[in-house]
Amino acid sequence: MLKFLSLAVGVGIGVAVFMTAQWYWYVTRGANPHDDTGTMLNELMPGPMNAWGCAQLQLRFPQTTAPKGCRAGDGVSWRG
């Protein structure tokens, strides 16, 4: 049972690291701010990480509409 628990924890940590790396790549190097996977990951991030990710995307794509997870109340502009 201990081996199974160790394996489950290891897999969970691996998945978390992979998802965080994918999110970081999306906000710092992704070519499309409206990428479905990237916006989903950004929405899942805790508040401070989401805010930082949105700030990075806004710096890189200032002329586009805000992606899901970064939108203000009007549904189009970047939240501040």
Protein backbone atom coordinates (compact mmCIF):
# COMPACT_ATOMS: atom_id res chain seq x y z
CA MET A 1 0.00 0.00 0.00
CA LEU A 2 2.86 2.37 0.77
CA LYS A 3 4.35 1.82 -2.70
CA PHE A 4 1.02 2.69 -4.31
CA LEU A 5 0.70 5.83 -2.22
CA SER A 6 4.25 6.88 -3.10
CA LEU A 7 3.54 6.27 -6.79
CA ALA A 8 0.31 8.28 -6.62
CA VAL A 9 2.05 11.21 -4.92
CA GLY A 10 4.89 11.07 -7.45
CA VAL A 11 2.49 11.07 -10.38
CA GLY A 12 0.55 13.97 -8.84
CA ILE A 13 3.71 16.02 -8.41
CA GLY A 14 4.78 15.19 -11.95
CA VAL A 15 1.45 16.31 -13.38
CA ALA A 16 1.56 19.55 -11.36
CA VAL A 17 5.09 20.33 -12.57
CA PHE A 18 4.13 19.57 -16.18
CA MET A 19 1.01 21.78 -16.04
CA THR A 20 2.93 24.64 -14.43
CA ALA A 21 5.64 24.42 -17.10
CA GLN A 22 3.01 24.45 -19.87
CA TRP A 23 1.35 27.47 -18.30
CA TYR A 24 4.68 29.32 -17.97
CA TRP A 25 5.51 28.64 -21.61
CA TYR A 26 2.07 29.90 -22.67
CA VAL A 27 2.31 33.22 -20.83
CA THR A 28 5.96 33.91 -21.73
CA ARG A 29 6.41 32.41 -25.20
CA GLY A 30 3.10 31.25 -26.64
CA ALA A 31 2.23 32.53 -30.10
CA ASN A 32 -1.51 32.85 -29.52
CA PRO A 33 -3.00 34.50 -26.40
CA HIS A 34 -6.32 32.74 -27.11
CA ASP A 35 -4.87 29.22 -27.12
CA ASP A 36 -7.48 26.90 -25.55
CA THR A 37 -5.04 24.92 -23.40
CA GLY A 38 -3.16 28.02 -22.27
CA THR A 39 -6.27 29.93 -21.28
CA MET A 40 -7.59 26.92 -19.38
CA LEU A 41 -4.32 26.55 -17.46
CA ASN A 42 -4.21 30.29 -16.73
CA GLU A 43 -7.76 30.19 -15.35
CA LEU A 44 -6.77 27.29 -13.05
CA MET A 45 -3.80 29.12 -11.56
CA PRO A 46 -4.12 30.73 -8.10
CA GLY A 47 -4.87 34.46 -8.04
CA PRO A 48 -1.31 35.87 -7.94
CA MET A 49 -0.06 33.49 -10.65
CA ASN A 50 -3.09 34.23 -12.83
CA ALA A 51 -2.57 37.98 -12.39
CA TRP A 52 1.13 37.68 -13.29
CA GLY A 53 0.28 35.53 -16.32
CA CYS A 54 -2.31 38.04 -17.51
CA ALA A 55 0.20 40.89 -17.09
CA GLN A 56 2.74 38.98 -19.20
CA LEU A 57 0.17 38.29 -21.90
CA GLN A 58 -0.94 41.93 -21.94
CA LEU A 59 2.67 43.09 -22.34
CA ARG A 60 3.18 40.68 -25.23
CA PHE A 61 -0.21 41.19 -26.94
CA PRO A 62 -1.36 44.73 -26.05
CA GLN A 63 -3.52 45.22 -29.15
CA THR A 64 -5.59 42.02 -28.84
CA THR A 65 -8.72 41.39 -26.82
CA ALA A 66 -8.07 39.77 -23.47
CA PRO A 67 -8.16 35.97 -23.38
CA LYS A 68 -10.44 34.03 -21.04
CA GLY A 69 -9.19 34.34 -17.49
CA CYS A 70 -7.84 37.86 -18.06
CA ARG A 71 -10.99 39.69 -19.10
CA ALA A 72 -12.53 42.62 -17.32
CA GLY A 73 -16.25 42.86 -16.63
CA ASP A 74 -17.04 43.94 -20.19
CA GLY A 75 -15.76 40.59 -21.50
CA VAL A 76 -13.31 42.16 -23.95
CA SER A 77 -10.77 44.43 -22.27
CA TRP A 78 -7.94 43.40 -19.97
CA ARG A 79 -8.70 43.51 -16.28
CA GLY A 80 -6.53 45.83 -14.29
